Amino acid sequence: MAKTKNKCKGLTPEEFCPIRHTLKVLGKRWTILIVKEIYYSRWRRLGFMDLRKRLVNASAKVLSERLKEMVKEGLVKRRVDASTTPPRVYYTLTEKGRDACKIIQDLKRYGLKWGGGNFNCENIDCELCERNKKLE
């Protein structure tokens, strides 16, 4: 049997667990919803105030903290458009952030199966469903 390279050399399963690592990156409140909103936005980029409008229950402080953490973690890129006055800041997903969208689809399927009862999301204007229809 061939040996595989261990990225976690010297770590016990308790110290590095892929599920724990994923939850550390995406599990904080609002993070996965920020990813969702950016990914499904028209230009795949959103400014801070756009995110505030879409995530009305998130305080400005928490949203700001979460975006800083997401930049540091490599989920989003922060870009400044200096051609406007005042300069406008946009957030776009990195490859790592776009990869999280697969998890969003799985969360949706799980929610429909176990949390929605007889709910049919195709009867509402849902960007997740509309986008999937276009990709089919």
C-alpha atoms as a PDB file:
ATOM      1  CA  MET A   1       0.000   0.000   0.000  1.00  0.00           C
ATOM      2  CA  ALA A   2       1.448   3.374  -1.011  1.00  0.00           C
ATOM      3  CA  LYS A   3       1.925   5.994   1.662  1.00  0.00           C
ATOM      4  CA  THR A   4       0.043   9.243   1.224  1.00  0.00           C
ATOM      5  CA  LYS A   5       1.521  12.557   2.193  1.00  0.00           C
ATOM      6  CA  ASN A   6       0.072  13.621   5.544  1.00  0.00           C
ATOM      7  CA  LYS A   7      -0.687  17.345   5.601  1.00  0.00           C
ATOM      8  CA  CYS A   8      -1.397  17.059   9.309  1.00  0.00           C
ATOM      9  CA  LYS A   9       1.837  15.350  10.283  1.00  0.00           C
ATOM     10  CA  GLY A  10       2.224  15.234  14.016  1.00  0.00           C
ATOM     11  CA  LEU A  11      -1.379  16.211  14.735  1.00  0.00           C
ATOM     12  CA  THR A  12      -3.878  13.952  16.424  1.00  0.00           C
ATOM     13  CA  PRO A  13      -7.410  13.616  14.982  1.00  0.00           C
ATOM     14  CA  GLU A  14      -8.623  15.813  17.844  1.00  0.00           C
ATOM     15  CA  GLU A  15      -6.153  18.529  16.830  1.00  0.00           C
ATOM     16  CA  PHE A  16      -7.070  18.419  13.163  1.00  0.00           C
ATOM     17  CA  CYS A  17     -10.414  17.168  11.995  1.00  0.00           C
ATOM     18  CA  PRO A  18     -11.597  18.257   8.540  1.00  0.00           C
ATOM     19  CA  ILE A  19     -15.120  18.863   9.827  1.00  0.00           C
ATOM     20  CA  ARG A  20     -13.890  20.951  12.746  1.00  0.00           C
ATOM     21  CA  HIS A  21     -11.652  22.918  10.396  1.00  0.00           C
ATOM     22  CA  THR A  22     -14.562  23.577   8.006  1.00  0.00           C
ATOM     23  CA  LEU A  23     -16.760  24.728  10.877  1.00  0.00           C
ATOM     24  CA  LYS A  24     -13.960  26.976  12.135  1.00  0.00           C
ATOM     25  CA  VAL A  25     -13.819  28.649   8.725  1.00  0.00           C
ATOM     26  CA  LEU A  26     -17.523  28.720   7.815  1.00  0.00           C
ATOM     27  CA  GLY A  27     -19.364  28.087  11.071  1.00  0.00           C
ATOM     28  CA  LYS A  28     -19.434  31.571  12.557  1.00  0.00           C
ATOM     29  CA  ARG A  29     -22.757  33.342  12.391  1.00  0.00           C
ATOM     30  CA  TRP A  30     -23.372  35.108   9.048  1.00  0.00           C
ATOM     31  CA  THR A  31     -20.286  33.722   7.269  1.00  0.00           C
ATOM     32  CA  ILE A  32     -22.053  31.205   5.041  1.00  0.00           C
ATOM     33  CA  LEU A  33     -24.830  33.724   4.320  1.00  0.00           C
ATOM     34  CA  ILE A  34     -22.253  36.341   3.282  1.00  0.00           C
ATOM     35  CA  VAL A  35     -20.750  33.786   0.885  1.00  0.00           C
ATOM     36  CA  LYS A  36     -24.225  33.022  -0.472  1.00  0.00           C
ATOM     37  CA  GLU A  37     -25.121  36.684  -0.992  1.00  0.00           C
ATOM     38  CA  ILE A  38     -21.881  37.504  -2.810  1.00  0.00           C
ATOM     39  CA  TYR A  39     -22.013  34.393  -4.982  1.00  0.00           C
ATOM     40  CA  TYR A  40     -25.594  34.904  -6.089  1.00  0.00           C
ATOM     41  CA  SER A  41     -25.325  38.665  -6.583  1.00  0.00           C
ATOM     42  CA  ARG A  42     -25.579  39.943 -10.136  1.00  0.00           C
ATOM     43  CA  TRP A  43     -21.891  40.784 -10.590  1.00  0.00           C
ATOM     44  CA  ARG A  44     -20.588  38.337  -7.944  1.00  0.00           C
ATOM     45  CA  ARG A  45     -19.384  41.242  -5.876  1.00  0.00           C
ATOM     46  CA  LEU A  46     -21.067  43.268  -3.167  1.00  0.00           C
ATOM     47  CA  GLY A  47     -20.268  46.354  -1.192  1.00  0.00           C
ATOM     48  CA  PHE A  48     -20.647  46.585   2.565  1.00  0.00           C
ATOM     49  CA  MET A  49     -23.946  48.477   2.364  1.00  0.00           C
ATOM     50  CA  ASP A  50     -25.304  45.972  -0.170  1.00  0.00           C
ATOM     51  CA  LEU A  51     -24.585  43.205   2.322  1.00  0.00           C
ATOM     52  CA  ARG A  52     -26.259  45.236   5.095  1.00  0.00           C
ATOM     53  CA  LYS A  53     -29.410  45.519   2.963  1.00  0.00           C
ATOM     54  CA  ARG A  54     -29.458  41.793   2.240  1.00  0.00           C
ATOM     55  CA  LEU A  55     -28.595  40.649   5.772  1.00  0.00           C
ATOM     56  CA  VAL A  56     -30.862  43.001   7.703  1.00  0.00           C
ATOM     57  CA  ASN A  57     -30.512  41.176  11.015  1.00  0.00           C
ATOM     58  CA  ALA A  58     -26.705  41.357  11.024  1.00  0.00           C
ATOM     59  CA  SER A  59     -25.340  44.341  12.912  1.00  0.00           C
ATOM     60  CA  ALA A  60     -22.796  46.550  11.134  1.00  0.00           C
ATOM     61  CA  LYS A  61     -20.193  45.632  13.743  1.00  0.00           C
ATOM     62  CA  VAL A  62     -20.621  41.876  13.333  1.00  0.00           C
ATOM     63  CA  LEU A  63     -20.757  42.129   9.545  1.00  0.00           C
ATOM     64  CA  SER A  64     -17.552  44.174   9.510  1.00  0.00           C
ATOM     65  CA  GLU A  65     -15.802  41.711  11.836  1.00  0.00           C
ATOM     66  CA  ARG A  66     -16.948  38.746   9.791  1.00  0.00           C
ATOM     67  CA  LEU A  67     -15.729  40.284   6.524  1.00  0.00           C
ATOM     68  CA  LYS A  68     -12.304  41.023   8.055  1.00  0.00           C
ATOM     69  CA  GLU A  69     -12.089  37.407   9.245  1.00  0.00           C
ATOM     70  CA  MET A  70     -13.151  36.142   5.828  1.00  0.00           C
ATOM     71  CA  VAL A  71     -10.467  38.235   4.104  1.00  0.00           C
ATOM     72  CA  LYS A  72      -7.859  36.927   6.539  1.00  0.00           C
ATOM     73  CA  GLU A  73      -9.058  33.340   6.002  1.00  0.00           C
ATOM     74  CA  GLY A  74      -8.907  33.750   2.220  1.00  0.00           C
ATOM     75  CA  LEU A  75     -12.642  33.357   1.519  1.00  0.00           C
ATOM     76  CA  VAL A  76     -13.130  36.850   0.082  1.00  0.00           C
ATOM     77  CA  LYS A  77     -11.045  39.563  -1.522  1.00  0.00           C
ATOM     78  CA  ARG A  78     -11.531  43.160  -0.515  1.00  0.00           C
ATOM     79  CA  ARG A  79     -11.222  45.581  -3.430  1.00  0.00           C
ATOM     80  CA  VAL A  80     -11.308  49.357  -3.269  1.00  0.00           C
ATOM     81  CA  ASP A  81     -12.735  51.333  -6.191  1.00  0.00           C
ATOM     82  CA  ALA A  82     -10.951  54.675  -5.870  1.00  0.00           C
ATOM     83  CA  SER A  83     -12.705  56.093  -8.944  1.00  0.00           C
ATOM     84  CA  THR A  84     -15.737  56.966  -6.800  1.00  0.00           C
ATOM     85  CA  THR A  85     -16.032  59.578  -4.078  1.00  0.00           C
ATOM     86  CA  PRO A  86     -15.916  58.353  -1.410  1.00  0.00           C
ATOM     87  CA  PRO A  87     -14.005  55.245  -2.523  1.00  0.00           C
ATOM     88  CA  ARG A  88     -16.239  52.193  -2.563  1.00  0.00           C
ATOM     89  CA  VAL A  89     -15.183  48.816  -1.147  1.00  0.00           C
ATOM     90  CA  TYR A  90     -16.321  45.615  -2.857  1.00  0.00           C
ATOM     91  CA  TYR A  91     -16.043  42.030  -1.711  1.00  0.00           C
ATOM     92  CA  THR A  92     -15.638  39.134  -4.135  1.00  0.00           C
ATOM     93  CA  LEU A  93     -15.213  35.444  -3.472  1.00  0.00           C
ATOM     94  CA  THR A  94     -11.885  33.710  -3.879  1.00  0.00           C
ATOM     95  CA  GLU A  95     -11.678  30.143  -5.171  1.00  0.00           C
ATOM     96  CA  LYS A  96     -11.873  28.995  -1.555  1.00  0.00           C
ATOM     97  CA  GLY A  97     -15.035  31.055  -1.064  1.00  0.00           C
ATOM     98  CA  ARG A  98     -16.645  29.806  -4.285  1.00  0.00           C
ATOM     99  CA  ASP A  99     -15.957  26.240  -3.192  1.00  0.00           C
ATOM    100  CA  ALA A 100     -18.141  26.850  -0.139  1.00  0.00           C
ATOM    101  CA  CYS A 101     -21.132  27.311  -2.458  1.00  0.00           C
ATOM    102  CA  LYS A 102     -21.268  23.541  -2.881  1.00  0.00           C
ATOM    103  CA  ILE A 103     -21.925  23.360   0.854  1.00  0.00           C
ATOM    104  CA  ILE A 104     -24.728  25.912   0.461  1.00  0.00           C
ATOM    105  CA  GLN A 105     -26.445  23.638  -2.064  1.00  0.00           C
ATOM    106  CA  ASP A 106     -26.139  20.717   0.360  1.00  0.00           C
ATOM    107  CA  LEU A 107     -27.572  22.858   3.169  1.00  0.00           C
ATOM    108  CA  LYS A 108     -30.496  23.781   0.949  1.00  0.00           C
ATOM    109  CA  ARG A 109     -31.211  20.129   0.096  1.00  0.00           C
ATOM    110  CA  TYR A 110     -31.007  19.173   3.769  1.00  0.00           C
ATOM    111  CA  GLY A 111     -33.305  22.027   4.784  1.00  0.00           C
ATOM    112  CA  LEU A 112     -35.874  21.093   2.155  1.00  0.00           C
ATOM    113  CA  LYS A 113     -35.790  17.438   3.172  1.00  0.00           C
ATOM    114  CA  TRP A 114     -35.827  17.854   6.939  1.00  0.00           C
ATOM    115  CA  GLY A 115     -36.999  21.359   7.736  1.00  0.00           C
ATOM    116  CA  GLY A 116     -39.443  22.430   5.089  1.00  0.00           C
ATOM    117  CA  GLY A 117     -42.275  19.970   5.465  1.00  0.00           C
ATOM    118  CA  ASN A 118     -44.266  20.213   2.237  1.00  0.00           C
ATOM    119  CA  PHE A 119     -42.639  23.513   1.261  1.00  0.00           C
ATOM    120  CA  ASN A 120     -41.944  23.903  -2.438  1.00  0.00           C
ATOM    121  CA  CYS A 121     -39.276  26.551  -2.931  1.00  0.00           C
ATOM    122  CA  GLU A 122     -39.904  26.653  -6.672  1.00  0.00           C
ATOM    123  CA  ASN A 123     -43.025  28.749  -5.964  1.00  0.00           C
ATOM    124  CA  ILE A 124     -40.979  31.642  -4.644  1.00  0.00           C
ATOM    125  CA  ASP A 125     -38.296  33.869  -6.186  1.00  0.00           C
ATOM    126  CA  CYS A 126     -35.234  32.106  -4.812  1.00  0.00           C
ATOM    127  CA  GLU A 127     -31.864  32.964  -6.335  1.00  0.00           C
ATOM    128  CA  LEU A 128     -30.566  29.476  -5.588  1.00  0.00           C
ATOM    129  CA  CYS A 129     -33.346  27.812  -7.609  1.00  0.00           C
ATOM    130  CA  GLU A 130     -33.244  30.376 -10.419  1.00  0.00           C
ATOM    131  CA  ARG A 131     -29.486  29.996 -10.813  1.00  0.00           C
ATOM    132  CA  ASN A 132     -29.729  26.188 -10.904  1.00  0.00           C
ATOM    133  CA  LYS A 133     -32.409  26.371 -13.619  1.00  0.00           C
ATOM    134  CA  LYS A 134     -30.059  28.475 -15.773  1.00  0.00           C
ATOM    135  CA  LEU A 135     -27.217  25.994 -15.290  1.00  0.00           C
ATOM    136  CA  GLU A 136     -29.306  22.957 -16.324  1.00  0.00           C
END
